[in-house]
Amino acid sequence: MTSPSIPSPDMPRGSAPPNREERLAAKLRENLRRRKVQARALGGTGDGAEQGAADPAGESDGALSKPDPSG
């Protein structure tokens, strides 16, 4: 087993390993970039939240509904 005082060949000298929060932040940024590229490839213009908020049930065709003539 190696002692902790021997530096790893993979780690650059003088820099500490990133802490958990930094690793998570980097992964989140990477994931966001990947999702943006995927959305552009699929032809999406928004982030999905705008589309879902406009029509949560997915039933609207954009036309206004007419009032019931009987009532």
C-alpha atoms as a PDB file:
ATOM      1  CA  MET A   1       0.000   0.000   0.000  1.00  0.00           C
ATOM      2  CA  THR A   2       1.309   3.465  -0.840  1.00  0.00           C
ATOM      3  CA  SER A   3       1.762   6.165   1.723  1.00  0.00           C
ATOM      4  CA  PRO A   4      -0.326   9.342   1.404  1.00  0.00           C
ATOM      5  CA  SER A   5       2.805  11.513   1.155  1.00  0.00           C
ATOM      6  CA  ILE A   6       3.723  10.089  -2.270  1.00  0.00           C
ATOM      7  CA  PRO A   7       1.943  12.124  -4.968  1.00  0.00           C
ATOM      8  CA  SER A   8      -0.144  10.308  -7.515  1.00  0.00           C
ATOM      9  CA  PRO A   9       1.164  10.460 -11.094  1.00  0.00           C
ATOM     10  CA  ASP A  10      -2.344  11.345 -12.321  1.00  0.00           C
ATOM     11  CA  MET A  11      -2.693  14.389 -10.069  1.00  0.00           C
ATOM     12  CA  PRO A  12      -0.857  17.596 -11.003  1.00  0.00           C
ATOM     13  CA  ARG A  13       1.474  18.933  -8.357  1.00  0.00           C
ATOM     14  CA  GLY A  14       0.371  21.851  -6.236  1.00  0.00           C
ATOM     15  CA  SER A  15      -3.343  21.342  -6.707  1.00  0.00           C
ATOM     16  CA  ALA A  16      -5.593  19.720  -4.173  1.00  0.00           C
ATOM     17  CA  PRO A  17      -8.229  17.272  -5.340  1.00  0.00           C
ATOM     18  CA  PRO A  18     -11.592  18.949  -5.898  1.00  0.00           C
ATOM     19  CA  ASN A  19     -13.953  18.663  -2.994  1.00  0.00           C
ATOM     20  CA  ARG A  20     -17.369  17.057  -3.304  1.00  0.00           C
ATOM     21  CA  GLU A  21     -19.207  20.302  -4.092  1.00  0.00           C
ATOM     22  CA  GLU A  22     -16.755  21.202  -6.865  1.00  0.00           C
ATOM     23  CA  ARG A  23     -17.049  17.735  -8.402  1.00  0.00           C
ATOM     24  CA  LEU A  24     -20.847  17.889  -8.294  1.00  0.00           C
ATOM     25  CA  ALA A  25     -20.893  21.385  -9.791  1.00  0.00           C
ATOM     26  CA  ALA A  26     -18.643  20.247 -12.636  1.00  0.00           C
ATOM     27  CA  LYS A  27     -20.845  17.214 -13.295  1.00  0.00           C
ATOM     28  CA  LEU A  28     -23.977  19.398 -13.306  1.00  0.00           C
ATOM     29  CA  ARG A  29     -22.415  21.801 -15.823  1.00  0.00           C
ATOM     30  CA  GLU A  30     -21.362  18.884 -18.010  1.00  0.00           C
ATOM     31  CA  ASN A  31     -24.868  17.395 -17.832  1.00  0.00           C
ATOM     32  CA  LEU A  32     -26.470  20.745 -18.686  1.00  0.00           C
ATOM     33  CA  ARG A  33     -24.247  21.153 -21.745  1.00  0.00           C
ATOM     34  CA  ARG A  34     -25.049  17.633 -22.883  1.00  0.00           C
ATOM     35  CA  ARG A  35     -28.791  18.204 -22.472  1.00  0.00           C
ATOM     36  CA  LYS A  36     -28.640  21.503 -24.364  1.00  0.00           C
ATOM     37  CA  VAL A  37     -26.863  19.827 -27.271  1.00  0.00           C
ATOM     38  CA  GLN A  38     -29.423  17.032 -27.232  1.00  0.00           C
ATOM     39  CA  ALA A  39     -32.332  19.504 -27.191  1.00  0.00           C
ATOM     40  CA  ARG A  40     -30.873  21.427 -30.124  1.00  0.00           C
ATOM     41  CA  ALA A  41     -30.406  18.198 -32.054  1.00  0.00           C
ATOM     42  CA  LEU A  42     -34.056  17.311 -31.471  1.00  0.00           C
ATOM     43  CA  GLY A  43     -35.155  20.737 -32.710  1.00  0.00           C
ATOM     44  CA  GLY A  44     -36.346  22.071 -29.369  1.00  0.00           C
ATOM     45  CA  THR A  45     -36.105  25.814 -28.881  1.00  0.00           C
ATOM     46  CA  GLY A  46     -37.031  26.024 -25.187  1.00  0.00           C
ATOM     47  CA  ASP A  47     -35.945  24.217 -22.074  1.00  0.00           C
ATOM     48  CA  GLY A  48     -39.209  22.304 -21.720  1.00  0.00           C
ATOM     49  CA  ALA A  49     -40.466  24.258 -18.726  1.00  0.00           C
ATOM     50  CA  GLU A  50     -41.997  26.929 -20.941  1.00  0.00           C
ATOM     51  CA  GLN A  51     -43.793  24.378 -23.082  1.00  0.00           C
ATOM     52  CA  GLY A  52     -45.156  22.498 -20.082  1.00  0.00           C
ATOM     53  CA  ALA A  53     -46.356  25.661 -18.359  1.00  0.00           C
ATOM     54  CA  ALA A  54     -48.255  26.861 -21.424  1.00  0.00           C
ATOM     55  CA  ASP A  55     -50.277  23.664 -21.800  1.00  0.00           C
ATOM     56  CA  PRO A  56     -49.872  21.275 -18.862  1.00  0.00           C
ATOM     57  CA  ALA A  57     -52.610  18.893 -20.032  1.00  0.00           C
ATOM     58  CA  GLY A  58     -51.473  18.878 -23.657  1.00  0.00           C
ATOM     59  CA  GLU A  59     -55.066  19.320 -24.857  1.00  0.00           C
ATOM     60  CA  SER A  60     -55.121  22.893 -26.140  1.00  0.00           C
ATOM     61  CA  ASP A  61     -54.964  23.571 -29.864  1.00  0.00           C
ATOM     62  CA  GLY A  62     -54.424  27.291 -29.359  1.00  0.00           C
ATOM     63  CA  ALA A  63     -58.033  28.268 -30.172  1.00  0.00           C
ATOM     64  CA  LEU A  64     -60.349  29.942 -27.712  1.00  0.00           C
ATOM     65  CA  SER A  65     -63.263  27.865 -26.509  1.00  0.00           C
ATOM     66  CA  LYS A  66     -66.759  29.060 -27.390  1.00  0.00           C
ATOM     67  CA  PRO A  67     -69.351  29.512 -24.650  1.00  0.00           C
ATOM     68  CA  ASP A  68     -72.131  26.958 -24.427  1.00  0.00           C
ATOM     69  CA  PRO A  69     -75.133  28.374 -26.372  1.00  0.00           C
ATOM     70  CA  SER A  70     -77.654  26.569 -24.155  1.00  0.00           C
ATOM     71  CA  GLY A  71     -76.649  28.218 -20.956  1.00  0.00           C
END
